[in-house]
Amino acid sequence: MTLELRHIDVRFGGATVLAQVSLRIETAEIVALLGPSGAGKTTLLRVVAGLVTPDGGAVLVDDRDVTDVAVHDRGVGLVFQDNQLFPHRDVAGNVEFGLRMQRLPRAQREARVSDMLQLVGLEGFEHRAVTSLSGGEAKRVALARSLAPGPPILLLDEPLTGLDDDLHDRLAADLATILRATSTTTLLVTHDVDEAHAIADRVVLLSSLSA
């Protein structure tokens, strides 16, 4: 699916965070959004996800205006930089969360969880406590959880922060492979130029209004 932002404006408490931001991402394209801290990159992701209502402009998915559509009806997956895994659920419980929301039968959920964990290189981790995972493993589980429901559009907010250089580079390569294997239209927010070029098909700069 295509994703298009048309003239997005966002203001918080009288301060303008985003002004007339427009961007189009084609089906299965991976776009990295670069910019300084405070430029509004995460805010823009939250607008696409439906977590922030813009003060002006529109969000379109496959040319359909979804600006006022509820979060769960947009078909958009979101991975936050802090993973936000459910500590009371094991790995399988986290990955299948969206599948439960879709009311899939248990057998289908289990098969999908197995497929997703294989995709992110965590075969056999179904019953591991998420609190026992390494930083890299937790990020892979967060990615698997977001991909499991099959969202046509995925939003990634600094998904590889906090990792050592070797693990970061390895996961960046794996992430690029996974996104292309699933033909997922992706908007990636990062401050890392090398990461952006390693993962994305195209890099877009979002300038700070205060710069």
N, C-alpha and C. Protein backbone atom coordinates (compact mmCIF):
# COMPACT_ATOMS: atom_id res chain seq x y z
N MET A 1 0.83 -1.21 0.00
CA MET A 1 0.00 0.00 0.00
C MET A 1 0.86 1.26 0.00
N THR A 2 0.36 2.29 -0.63
CA THR A 2 1.06 3.57 -0.60
C THR A 2 0.67 4.35 0.65
N LEU A 3 1.58 5.23 1.07
CA LEU A 3 1.33 6.12 2.20
C LEU A 3 1.65 7.53 1.74
N GLU A 4 0.72 8.45 1.97
CA GLU A 4 0.96 9.83 1.58
C GLU A 4 0.56 10.79 2.70
N LEU A 5 1.43 11.74 2.96
CA LEU A 5 1.15 12.82 3.89
C LEU A 5 1.03 14.10 3.09
N ARG A 6 -0.07 14.82 3.28
CA ARG A 6 -0.31 16.05 2.54
C ARG A 6 -0.40 17.24 3.48
N HIS A 7 0.58 18.10 3.42
CA HIS A 7 0.55 19.39 4.10
C HIS A 7 0.20 19.26 5.59
N ILE A 8 0.92 18.38 6.29
CA ILE A 8 0.64 18.13 7.70
C ILE A 8 1.12 19.28 8.57
N ASP A 9 0.22 19.79 9.40
CA ASP A 9 0.53 20.81 10.41
C ASP A 9 0.22 20.23 11.79
N VAL A 10 1.14 20.43 12.74
CA VAL A 10 0.88 20.04 14.13
C VAL A 10 1.38 21.15 15.04
N ARG A 11 0.52 21.53 15.98
CA ARG A 11 0.88 22.54 16.98
C ARG A 11 0.58 21.99 18.36
N PHE A 12 1.51 22.22 19.29
CA PHE A 12 1.33 21.83 20.68
C PHE A 12 1.45 23.08 21.55
N GLY A 13 0.37 23.42 22.23
CA GLY A 13 0.41 24.58 23.13
C GLY A 13 0.81 25.87 22.45
N GLY A 14 0.40 26.03 21.23
CA GLY A 14 0.73 27.26 20.51
C GLY A 14 2.04 27.19 19.75
N ALA A 15 2.85 26.18 20.01
CA ALA A 15 4.13 26.03 19.30
C ALA A 15 3.94 25.13 18.08
N THR A 16 4.46 25.55 16.95
CA THR A 16 4.36 24.76 15.73
C THR A 16 5.45 23.70 15.70
N VAL A 17 5.04 22.43 15.63
CA VAL A 17 5.99 21.31 15.60
C VAL A 17 6.24 20.86 14.17
N LEU A 18 5.18 20.79 13.37
CA LEU A 18 5.28 20.41 11.96
C LEU A 18 4.50 21.43 11.13
N ALA A 19 5.08 21.83 10.01
CA ALA A 19 4.42 22.83 9.16
C ALA A 19 4.49 22.40 7.71
N GLN A 20 3.32 22.10 7.16
CA GLN A 20 3.19 21.81 5.73
C GLN A 20 4.12 20.66 5.28
N VAL A 21 4.14 19.59 6.04
CA VAL A 21 4.98 18.43 5.71
C VAL A 21 4.24 17.53 4.73
N SER A 22 4.86 17.26 3.60
CA SER A 22 4.28 16.37 2.59
C SER A 22 5.29 15.30 2.21
N LEU A 23 4.81 14.08 2.04
CA LEU A 23 5.67 12.95 1.70
C LEU A 23 4.82 11.84 1.11
N ARG A 24 5.32 11.19 0.08
CA ARG A 24 4.64 10.02 -0.49
C ARG A 24 5.60 8.84 -0.51
N ILE A 25 5.13 7.70 -0.03
CA ILE A 25 5.92 6.47 -0.01
C ILE A 25 5.17 5.44 -0.85
N GLU A 26 5.86 4.88 -1.81
CA GLU A 26 5.22 3.91 -2.70
C GLU A 26 5.12 2.54 -2.04
N THR A 27 4.30 1.67 -2.60
CA THR A 27 4.10 0.32 -2.08
C THR A 27 5.43 -0.42 -1.98
N ALA A 28 5.71 -0.98 -0.80
CA ALA A 28 6.91 -1.77 -0.52
C ALA A 28 8.19 -0.94 -0.47
N GLU A 29 8.07 0.38 -0.55
CA GLU A 29 9.25 1.24 -0.46
C GLU A 29 9.60 1.47 1.01
N ILE A 30 10.90 1.55 1.29
CA ILE A 30 11.40 1.84 2.63
C ILE A 30 12.01 3.24 2.60
N VAL A 31 11.44 4.15 3.38
CA VAL A 31 11.92 5.53 3.44
C VAL A 31 12.41 5.83 4.85
N ALA A 32 13.61 6.38 4.94
CA ALA A 32 14.17 6.80 6.22
C ALA A 32 13.99 8.30 6.38
N LEU A 33 13.52 8.70 7.55
CA LEU A 33 13.32 10.11 7.86
C LEU A 33 14.41 10.55 8.83
N LEU A 34 15.29 11.41 8.35
CA LEU A 34 16.39 11.94 9.14
C LEU A 34 16.06 13.36 9.59
N GLY A 35 16.67 13.78 10.69
CA GLY A 35 16.48 15.15 11.13
C GLY A 35 17.01 15.32 12.53
N PRO A 36 17.28 16.57 12.93
CA PRO A 36 17.80 16.83 14.28
C PRO A 36 16.75 16.57 15.34
N SER A 37 17.20 16.44 16.57
CA SER A 37 16.29 16.28 17.70
C SER A 37 15.36 17.48 17.76
N GLY A 38 14.07 17.22 17.93
CA GLY A 38 13.10 18.30 18.01
C GLY A 38 12.50 18.71 16.68
N ALA A 39 12.90 18.02 15.61
CA ALA A 39 12.38 18.37 14.29
C ALA A 39 10.96 17.87 14.07
N GLY A 40 10.50 16.95 14.93
CA GLY A 40 9.13 16.45 14.82
C GLY A 40 9.02 15.10 14.13
N LYS A 41 10.12 14.37 14.06
CA LYS A 41 10.11 13.07 13.37
C LYS A 41 9.14 12.09 14.04
N THR A 42 9.25 11.94 15.35
CA THR A 42 8.38 11.01 16.06
C THR A 42 6.93 11.50 16.02
N THR A 43 6.73 12.79 16.11
CA THR A 43 5.37 13.35 16.02
C THR A 43 4.74 12.98 14.68
N LEU A 44 5.53 13.06 13.62
CA LEU A 44 5.01 12.71 12.29
C LEU A 44 4.60 11.23 12.24
N LEU A 45 5.41 10.36 12.84
CA LEU A 45 5.03 8.95 12.90
C LEU A 45 3.72 8.76 13.65
N ARG A 46 3.57 9.48 14.74
CA ARG A 46 2.36 9.35 15.55
C ARG A 46 1.13 9.89 14.81
N VAL A 47 1.33 10.86 13.94
CA VAL A 47 0.24 11.33 13.10
C VAL A 47 -0.19 10.23 12.14
N VAL A 48 0.79 9.56 11.50
CA VAL A 48 0.47 8.47 10.58
C VAL A 48 -0.25 7.35 11.31
N ALA A 49 0.20 7.04 12.52
CA ALA A 49 -0.40 5.94 13.29
C ALA A 49 -1.78 6.29 13.82
N GLY A 50 -2.11 7.59 13.89
CA GLY A 50 -3.39 7.99 14.44
C GLY A 50 -3.34 8.32 15.91
N LEU A 51 -2.13 8.42 16.47
CA LEU A 51 -1.97 8.74 17.88
C LEU A 51 -1.95 10.24 18.13
N VAL A 52 -1.70 11.00 17.08
CA VAL A 52 -1.76 12.47 17.14
C VAL A 52 -2.64 12.95 15.99
N THR A 53 -3.60 13.80 16.30
CA THR A 53 -4.46 14.37 15.26
C THR A 53 -3.83 15.66 14.74
N PRO A 54 -3.56 15.75 13.44
CA PRO A 54 -2.93 16.96 12.91
C PRO A 54 -3.88 18.15 12.96
N ASP A 55 -3.32 19.33 13.06
CA ASP A 55 -4.12 20.55 13.02
C ASP A 55 -4.47 20.94 11.60
N GLY A 56 -3.79 20.35 10.64
CA GLY A 56 -4.09 20.59 9.24
C GLY A 56 -3.45 19.52 8.39
N GLY A 57 -3.99 19.31 7.20
CA GLY A 57 -3.44 18.32 6.30
C GLY A 57 -4.16 16.98 6.39
N ALA A 58 -3.63 16.00 5.66
CA ALA A 58 -4.30 14.69 5.57
C ALA A 58 -3.29 13.56 5.47
N VAL A 59 -3.71 12.40 5.97
CA VAL A 59 -2.95 11.15 5.84
C VAL A 59 -3.75 10.23 4.93
N LEU A 60 -3.10 9.73 3.87
CA LEU A 60 -3.79 8.87 2.91
C LEU A 60 -3.08 7.52 2.81
N VAL A 61 -3.86 6.46 2.83
CA VAL A 61 -3.36 5.10 2.61
C VAL A 61 -4.03 4.57 1.36
N ASP A 62 -3.23 4.25 0.36
CA ASP A 62 -3.77 3.86 -0.95
C ASP A 62 -4.78 4.88 -1.45
N ASP A 63 -4.43 6.16 -1.29
CA ASP A 63 -5.23 7.29 -1.75
C ASP A 63 -6.56 7.44 -1.01
N ARG A 64 -6.72 6.73 0.10
CA ARG A 64 -7.93 6.88 0.95
C ARG A 64 -7.57 7.72 2.16
N ASP A 65 -8.35 8.73 2.42
CA ASP A 65 -8.09 9.63 3.55
C ASP A 65 -8.41 8.89 4.86
N VAL A 66 -7.36 8.69 5.70
CA VAL A 66 -7.55 7.99 6.97
C VAL A 66 -7.27 8.92 8.15
N THR A 67 -7.24 10.22 7.89
CA THR A 67 -6.87 11.18 8.93
C THR A 67 -7.73 11.04 10.18
N ASP A 68 -9.01 10.73 10.00
CA ASP A 68 -9.92 10.61 11.14
C ASP A 68 -10.29 9.16 11.46
N VAL A 69 -9.57 8.22 10.86
CA VAL A 69 -9.84 6.80 11.10
C VAL A 69 -9.15 6.35 12.39
N ALA A 70 -9.82 5.50 13.16
CA ALA A 70 -9.26 5.02 14.43
C ALA A 70 -7.95 4.27 14.22
N VAL A 71 -7.12 4.28 15.24
CA VAL A 71 -5.79 3.66 15.18
C VAL A 71 -5.87 2.22 14.70
N HIS A 72 -6.78 1.44 15.28
CA HIS A 72 -6.82 0.00 14.99
C HIS A 72 -7.42 -0.32 13.62
N ASP A 73 -7.94 0.69 12.94
CA ASP A 73 -8.52 0.45 11.62
C ASP A 73 -7.65 0.96 10.47
N ARG A 74 -6.44 1.40 10.78
CA ARG A 74 -5.58 1.99 9.75
C ARG A 74 -4.70 0.98 9.03
N GLY A 75 -4.51 -0.20 9.62
CA GLY A 75 -3.62 -1.17 9.01
C GLY A 75 -2.16 -0.75 9.07
N VAL A 76 -1.81 -0.08 10.17
CA VAL A 76 -0.46 0.44 10.34
C VAL A 76 0.17 -0.17 11.59
N GLY A 77 1.40 -0.70 11.44
CA GLY A 77 2.14 -1.23 12.58
C GLY A 77 3.16 -0.20 13.05
N LEU A 78 3.47 -0.22 14.35
CA LEU A 78 4.39 0.77 14.91
C LEU A 78 5.35 0.09 15.88
N VAL A 79 6.65 0.34 15.69
CA VAL A 79 7.67 -0.15 16.61
C VAL A 79 8.34 1.06 17.25
N PHE A 80 8.19 1.18 18.59
CA PHE A 80 8.79 2.28 19.32
C PHE A 80 10.25 1.97 19.64
N GLN A 81 11.03 3.01 19.94
CA GLN A 81 12.44 2.79 20.23
C GLN A 81 12.66 2.02 21.52
N ASP A 82 11.71 2.06 22.46
CA ASP A 82 11.87 1.33 23.72
C ASP A 82 11.13 -0.01 23.71
N ASN A 83 10.75 -0.46 22.51
CA ASN A 83 10.14 -1.79 22.29
C ASN A 83 8.72 -1.92 22.85
N GLN A 84 8.50 -1.49 24.11
CA GLN A 84 7.19 -1.56 24.76
C GLN A 84 6.59 -2.96 24.72
N LEU A 85 7.41 -3.96 25.07
CA LEU A 85 6.91 -5.34 25.19
C LEU A 85 6.09 -5.48 26.47
N PHE A 86 5.18 -6.44 26.46
CA PHE A 86 4.35 -6.70 27.65
C PHE A 86 5.12 -7.62 28.59
N PRO A 87 5.58 -7.13 29.75
CA PRO A 87 6.44 -7.94 30.62
C PRO A 87 5.75 -9.17 31.21
N HIS A 88 4.41 -9.14 31.28
CA HIS A 88 3.69 -10.27 31.88
C HIS A 88 3.39 -11.37 30.85
N ARG A 89 3.78 -11.15 29.60
CA ARG A 89 3.57 -12.16 28.56
C ARG A 89 4.92 -12.69 28.09
N ASP A 90 4.98 -13.97 27.73
CA ASP A 90 6.22 -14.50 27.18
C ASP A 90 6.37 -14.03 25.74
N VAL A 91 7.42 -14.49 25.07
CA VAL A 91 7.68 -14.04 23.71
C VAL A 91 6.49 -14.33 22.80
N ALA A 92 5.98 -15.55 22.85
CA ALA A 92 4.84 -15.92 22.00
C ALA A 92 3.63 -15.05 22.32
N GLY A 93 3.40 -14.78 23.59
CA GLY A 93 2.26 -13.95 23.99
C GLY A 93 2.36 -12.55 23.45
N ASN A 94 3.58 -12.03 23.40
CA ASN A 94 3.78 -10.71 22.82
C ASN A 94 3.54 -10.71 21.31
N VAL A 95 4.12 -11.69 20.62
CA VAL A 95 4.02 -11.72 19.16
C VAL A 95 2.58 -11.96 18.71
N GLU A 96 1.82 -12.74 19.46
CA GLU A 96 0.47 -13.07 19.04
C GLU A 96 -0.58 -12.04 19.47
N PHE A 97 -0.15 -10.98 20.14
CA PHE A 97 -1.12 -10.01 20.67
C PHE A 97 -2.04 -9.47 19.59
N GLY A 98 -1.45 -9.00 18.48
CA GLY A 98 -2.27 -8.46 17.40
C GLY A 98 -3.14 -9.50 16.74
N LEU A 99 -2.68 -10.75 16.75
CA LEU A 99 -3.45 -11.85 16.16
C LEU A 99 -4.68 -12.15 17.01
N ARG A 100 -4.54 -12.00 18.33
CA ARG A 100 -5.70 -12.17 19.20
C ARG A 100 -6.74 -11.08 18.93
N MET A 101 -6.24 -9.88 18.69
CA MET A 101 -7.15 -8.77 18.38
C MET A 101 -7.89 -9.05 17.07
N GLN A 102 -7.26 -9.79 16.16
CA GLN A 102 -7.91 -10.17 14.91
C GLN A 102 -8.82 -11.38 15.08
N ARG A 103 -8.81 -11.96 16.27
CA ARG A 103 -9.65 -13.11 16.62
C ARG A 103 -9.34 -14.33 15.75
N LEU A 104 -8.07 -14.52 15.45
CA LEU A 104 -7.67 -15.71 14.70
C LEU A 104 -7.73 -16.94 15.59
N PRO A 105 -8.07 -18.10 15.04
CA PRO A 105 -8.07 -19.34 15.83
C PRO A 105 -6.68 -19.64 16.40
N ARG A 106 -6.66 -20.38 17.47
CA ARG A 106 -5.40 -20.65 18.18
C ARG A 106 -4.35 -21.29 17.26
N ALA A 107 -4.76 -22.27 16.47
CA ALA A 107 -3.80 -22.96 15.61
C ALA A 107 -3.15 -21.99 14.61
N GLN A 108 -3.94 -21.07 14.08
CA GLN A 108 -3.41 -20.09 13.14
C GLN A 108 -2.47 -19.12 13.85
N ARG A 109 -2.83 -18.75 15.06
CA ARG A 109 -1.96 -17.84 15.82
C ARG A 109 -0.61 -18.50 16.09
N GLU A 110 -0.64 -19.73 16.52
CA GLU A 110 0.60 -20.43 16.84
C GLU A 110 1.48 -20.59 15.61
N ALA A 111 0.87 -20.90 14.47
CA ALA A 111 1.64 -21.05 13.23
C ALA A 111 2.25 -19.73 12.81
N ARG A 112 1.48 -18.64 12.96
CA ARG A 112 1.97 -17.32 12.57
C ARG A 112 3.10 -16.87 13.49
N VAL A 113 2.97 -17.14 14.79
CA VAL A 113 4.03 -16.79 15.74
C VAL A 113 5.32 -17.52 15.38
N SER A 114 5.19 -18.81 15.09
CA SER A 114 6.36 -19.59 14.71
C SER A 114 7.03 -19.03 13.46
N ASP A 115 6.22 -18.67 12.48
CA ASP A 115 6.75 -18.09 11.23
C ASP A 115 7.47 -16.77 11.50
N MET A 116 6.88 -15.93 12.34
CA MET A 116 7.46 -14.62 12.62
C MET A 116 8.78 -14.75 13.39
N LEU A 117 8.82 -15.67 14.35
CA LEU A 117 10.06 -15.84 15.11
C LEU A 117 11.17 -16.41 14.24
N GLN A 118 10.80 -17.26 13.30
CA GLN A 118 11.79 -17.76 12.36
C GLN A 118 12.30 -16.62 11.47
N LEU A 119 11.39 -15.75 11.07
CA LEU A 119 11.76 -14.63 10.21
C LEU A 119 12.77 -13.71 10.88
N VAL A 120 12.61 -13.48 12.19
CA VAL A 120 13.52 -12.56 12.89
C VAL A 120 14.66 -13.29 13.59
N GLY A 121 14.80 -14.58 13.32
CA GLY A 121 15.93 -15.33 13.85
C GLY A 121 15.82 -15.72 15.31
N LEU A 122 14.59 -15.95 15.79
CA LEU A 122 14.39 -16.33 17.19
C LEU A 122 13.58 -17.62 17.31
N GLU A 123 13.90 -18.58 16.47
CA GLU A 123 13.20 -19.86 16.53
C GLU A 123 13.37 -20.48 17.92
N GLY A 124 12.28 -21.04 18.46
CA GLY A 124 12.35 -21.71 19.75
C GLY A 124 12.25 -20.79 20.96
N PHE A 125 12.02 -19.51 20.73
CA PHE A 125 11.96 -18.54 21.83
C PHE A 125 10.54 -18.35 22.36
N GLU A 126 9.59 -19.13 21.87
CA GLU A 126 8.18 -18.89 22.20
C GLU A 126 7.91 -18.71 23.69
N HIS A 127 8.54 -19.54 24.52
CA HIS A 127 8.19 -19.54 25.94
C HIS A 127 9.20 -18.81 26.81
N ARG A 128 10.09 -18.06 26.18
CA ARG A 128 11.05 -17.27 26.95
C ARG A 128 10.37 -16.04 27.54
N ALA A 129 10.73 -15.70 28.77
CA ALA A 129 10.23 -14.47 29.38
C ALA A 129 10.90 -13.29 28.69
N VAL A 130 10.13 -12.26 28.36
CA VAL A 130 10.72 -11.12 27.65
C VAL A 130 11.70 -10.37 28.55
N THR A 131 11.54 -10.50 29.86
CA THR A 131 12.47 -9.84 30.78
C THR A 131 13.85 -10.49 30.77
N SER A 132 13.96 -11.68 30.19
CA SER A 132 15.25 -12.37 30.13
C SER A 132 15.99 -12.13 28.81
N LEU A 133 15.38 -11.38 27.92
CA LEU A 133 15.97 -11.19 26.59
C LEU A 133 17.06 -10.13 26.60
N SER A 134 18.01 -10.29 25.69
CA SER A 134 19.01 -9.24 25.47
C SER A 134 18.36 -8.08 24.73
N GLY A 135 19.07 -6.97 24.63
CA GLY A 135 18.52 -5.81 23.93
C GLY A 135 18.19 -6.12 22.48
N GLY A 136 19.09 -6.83 21.81
CA GLY A 136 18.85 -7.18 20.41
C GLY A 136 17.69 -8.14 20.24
N GLU A 137 17.57 -9.10 21.16
CA GLU A 137 16.46 -10.06 21.09
C GLU A 137 15.12 -9.35 21.31
N ALA A 138 15.09 -8.42 22.27
CA ALA A 138 13.86 -7.69 22.55
C ALA A 138 13.41 -6.89 21.33
N LYS A 139 14.36 -6.29 20.63
CA LYS A 139 14.02 -5.51 19.44
C LYS A 139 13.48 -6.42 18.33
N ARG A 140 14.02 -7.62 18.22
CA ARG A 140 13.52 -8.58 17.23
C ARG A 140 12.09 -9.03 17.58
N VAL A 141 11.81 -9.22 18.87
CA VAL A 141 10.46 -9.59 19.28
C VAL A 141 9.48 -8.46 18.98
N ALA A 142 9.90 -7.22 19.24
CA ALA A 142 9.04 -6.07 18.95
C ALA A 142 8.73 -6.00 17.46
N LEU A 143 9.73 -6.28 16.64
CA LEU A 143 9.51 -6.27 15.19
C LEU A 143 8.56 -7.40 14.78
N ALA A 144 8.78 -8.59 15.34
CA ALA A 144 7.92 -9.73 15.02
C ALA A 144 6.47 -9.45 15.43
N ARG A 145 6.29 -8.83 16.60
CA ARG A 145 4.93 -8.51 17.06
C ARG A 145 4.23 -7.54 16.11
N SER A 146 4.99 -6.57 15.59
CA SER A 146 4.39 -5.59 14.68
C SER A 146 4.09 -6.19 13.32
N LEU A 147 4.91 -7.13 12.87
CA LEU A 147 4.72 -7.73 11.55
C LEU A 147 3.67 -8.85 11.56
N ALA A 148 3.44 -9.45 12.71
CA ALA A 148 2.57 -10.63 12.78
C ALA A 148 1.17 -10.40 12.20
N PRO A 149 0.50 -9.27 12.48
CA PRO A 149 -0.84 -9.09 11.92
C PRO A 149 -0.83 -8.78 10.42
N GLY A 150 0.37 -8.66 9.84
CA GLY A 150 0.46 -8.40 8.40
C GLY A 150 0.12 -6.98 8.01
N PRO A 151 0.61 -5.97 8.77
CA PRO A 151 0.28 -4.59 8.40
C PRO A 151 0.93 -4.22 7.07
N PRO A 152 0.21 -3.62 6.16
CA PRO A 152 0.82 -3.22 4.89
C PRO A 152 1.78 -2.06 5.04
N ILE A 153 1.65 -1.33 6.17
CA ILE A 153 2.52 -0.18 6.43
C ILE A 153 3.12 -0.33 7.83
N LEU A 154 4.44 -0.11 7.92
CA LEU A 154 5.12 -0.25 9.21
C LEU A 154 5.87 1.05 9.51
N LEU A 155 5.73 1.51 10.75
CA LEU A 155 6.42 2.71 11.22
C LEU A 155 7.45 2.31 12.26
N LEU A 156 8.69 2.74 12.08
CA LEU A 156 9.78 2.37 12.98
C LEU A 156 10.38 3.63 13.57
N ASP A 157 10.30 3.75 14.89
CA ASP A 157 10.82 4.93 15.58
C ASP A 157 12.13 4.58 16.27
N GLU A 158 13.25 4.91 15.64
CA GLU A 158 14.58 4.62 16.20
C GLU A 158 14.65 3.18 16.72
N PRO A 159 14.39 2.18 15.87
CA PRO A 159 14.25 0.80 16.36
C PRO A 159 15.55 0.14 16.80
N LEU A 160 16.70 0.73 16.48
CA LEU A 160 17.98 0.08 16.79
C LEU A 160 18.83 0.87 17.77
N THR A 161 18.22 1.78 18.50
CA THR A 161 18.99 2.56 19.47
C THR A 161 19.40 1.70 20.65
N GLY A 162 20.51 2.07 21.29
CA GLY A 162 20.95 1.40 22.50
C GLY A 162 21.71 0.11 22.29
N LEU A 163 22.09 -0.20 21.05
CA LEU A 163 22.82 -1.42 20.76
C LEU A 163 24.29 -1.12 20.49
N ASP A 164 25.17 -2.08 20.80
CA ASP A 164 26.58 -1.86 20.46
C ASP A 164 26.74 -1.89 18.94
N ASP A 165 27.86 -1.38 18.46
CA ASP A 165 28.05 -1.16 17.03
C ASP A 165 27.89 -2.44 16.21
N ASP A 166 28.51 -3.53 16.66
CA ASP A 166 28.44 -4.77 15.88
C ASP A 166 27.02 -5.28 15.78
N LEU A 167 26.29 -5.31 16.91
CA LEU A 167 24.92 -5.80 16.90
C LEU A 167 24.03 -4.85 16.12
N HIS A 168 24.25 -3.56 16.25
CA HIS A 168 23.47 -2.58 15.51
C HIS A 168 23.58 -2.82 14.01
N ASP A 169 24.81 -2.99 13.52
CA ASP A 169 25.02 -3.17 12.08
C ASP A 169 24.41 -4.48 11.59
N ARG A 170 24.51 -5.52 12.43
CA ARG A 170 23.95 -6.82 12.06
C ARG A 170 22.43 -6.75 11.98
N LEU A 171 21.81 -6.10 12.97
CA LEU A 171 20.35 -6.00 12.97
C LEU A 171 19.86 -5.07 11.86
N ALA A 172 20.63 -4.04 11.54
CA ALA A 172 20.24 -3.14 10.44
C ALA A 172 20.15 -3.93 9.14
N ALA A 173 21.15 -4.79 8.89
CA ALA A 173 21.14 -5.61 7.67
C ALA A 173 19.98 -6.59 7.70
N ASP A 174 19.73 -7.19 8.87
CA ASP A 174 18.62 -8.15 8.99
C ASP A 174 17.28 -7.44 8.79
N LEU A 175 17.14 -6.24 9.35
CA LEU A 175 15.89 -5.50 9.24
C LEU A 175 15.59 -5.17 7.78
N ALA A 176 16.61 -4.73 7.05
CA ALA A 176 16.42 -4.42 5.63
C ALA A 176 15.96 -5.66 4.87
N THR A 177 16.55 -6.80 5.18
CA THR A 177 16.18 -8.06 4.52
C THR A 177 14.74 -8.44 4.83
N ILE A 178 14.35 -8.31 6.10
CA ILE A 178 13.00 -8.69 6.53
C ILE A 178 11.94 -7.80 5.88
N LEU A 179 12.19 -6.51 5.86
CA LEU A 179 11.21 -5.58 5.30
C LEU A 179 11.01 -5.83 3.80
N ARG A 180 12.08 -6.15 3.12
CA ARG A 180 11.95 -6.43 1.68
C ARG A 180 11.31 -7.79 1.45
N ALA A 181 11.59 -8.75 2.31
CA ALA A 181 11.00 -10.08 2.16
C ALA A 181 9.49 -10.04 2.36
N THR A 182 9.02 -9.11 3.20
CA THR A 182 7.59 -9.00 3.47
C THR A 182 6.91 -7.91 2.63
N SER A 183 7.68 -7.24 1.77
CA SER A 183 7.15 -6.18 0.90
C SER A 183 6.35 -5.14 1.68
N THR A 184 6.92 -4.75 2.84
CA THR A 184 6.22 -3.84 3.73
C THR A 184 6.59 -2.38 3.42
N THR A 185 5.59 -1.57 3.17
CA THR A 185 5.80 -0.14 3.02
C THR A 185 6.23 0.41 4.38
N THR A 186 7.39 1.07 4.43
CA THR A 186 7.99 1.39 5.72
C THR A 186 8.46 2.84 5.80
N LEU A 187 8.15 3.47 6.94
CA LEU A 187 8.70 4.78 7.27
C LEU A 187 9.54 4.61 8.53
N LEU A 188 10.84 4.85 8.40
CA LEU A 188 11.81 4.65 9.48
C LEU A 188 12.33 6.00 9.95
N VAL A 189 12.19 6.27 11.24
CA VAL A 189 12.77 7.47 11.83
C VAL A 189 14.10 7.10 12.47
N THR A 190 15.14 7.86 12.14
CA THR A 190 16.46 7.62 12.72
C THR A 190 17.26 8.91 12.71
N HIS A 191 18.25 8.98 13.60
CA HIS A 191 19.19 10.10 13.58
C HIS A 191 20.52 9.67 12.99
N ASP A 192 20.62 8.37 12.64
CA ASP A 192 21.87 7.76 12.18
C ASP A 192 21.89 7.70 10.65
N VAL A 193 22.75 8.50 10.04
CA VAL A 193 22.82 8.56 8.58
C VAL A 193 23.20 7.22 7.98
N ASP A 194 24.18 6.55 8.58
CA ASP A 194 24.63 5.26 8.06
C ASP A 194 23.52 4.21 8.15
N GLU A 195 22.78 4.24 9.26
CA GLU A 195 21.66 3.32 9.43
C GLU A 195 20.60 3.56 8.37
N ALA A 196 20.31 4.83 8.12
CA ALA A 196 19.30 5.18 7.12
C ALA A 196 19.67 4.63 5.75
N HIS A 197 20.91 4.81 5.36
CA HIS A 197 21.33 4.34 4.04
C HIS A 197 21.45 2.82 3.98
N ALA A 198 21.72 2.18 5.12
CA ALA A 198 21.84 0.72 5.15
C ALA A 198 20.48 0.03 5.00
N ILE A 199 19.43 0.69 5.48
CA ILE A 199 18.11 0.06 5.50
C ILE A 199 17.20 0.55 4.38
N ALA A 200 17.22 1.85 4.11
CA ALA A 200 16.18 2.46 3.29
C ALA A 200 16.50 2.49 1.79
N ASP A 201 15.44 2.57 1.01
CA ASP A 201 15.56 2.82 -0.43
C ASP A 201 15.76 4.30 -0.71
N ARG A 202 15.25 5.13 0.20
CA ARG A 202 15.29 6.58 0.01
C ARG A 202 15.39 7.26 1.35
N VAL A 203 16.14 8.35 1.43
CA VAL A 203 16.33 9.10 2.67
C VAL A 203 15.76 10.50 2.50
N VAL A 204 14.94 10.92 3.48
CA VAL A 204 14.29 12.22 3.46
C VAL A 204 14.72 13.00 4.70
N LEU A 205 15.05 14.27 4.53
CA LEU A 205 15.46 15.11 5.66
C LEU A 205 14.30 15.97 6.12
N LEU A 206 14.02 15.91 7.43
CA LEU A 206 13.01 16.77 8.05
C LEU A 206 13.74 17.83 8.86
N SER A 207 13.66 19.08 8.43
CA SER A 207 14.39 20.17 9.07
C SER A 207 13.66 20.66 10.30
N SER A 208 14.45 21.12 11.27
CA SER A 208 13.87 21.70 12.47
C SER A 208 13.36 23.10 12.19
N LEU A 209 12.17 23.42 12.73
CA LEU A 209 11.60 24.76 12.51
C LEU A 209 12.40 25.82 13.24
N SER A 210 13.13 25.40 14.28
CA SER A 210 13.90 26.36 15.07
C SER A 210 15.32 26.51 14.58
N ALA A 211 15.69 25.70 13.54
CA ALA A 211 17.07 25.74 13.06
C ALA A 211 17.34 27.04 12.31
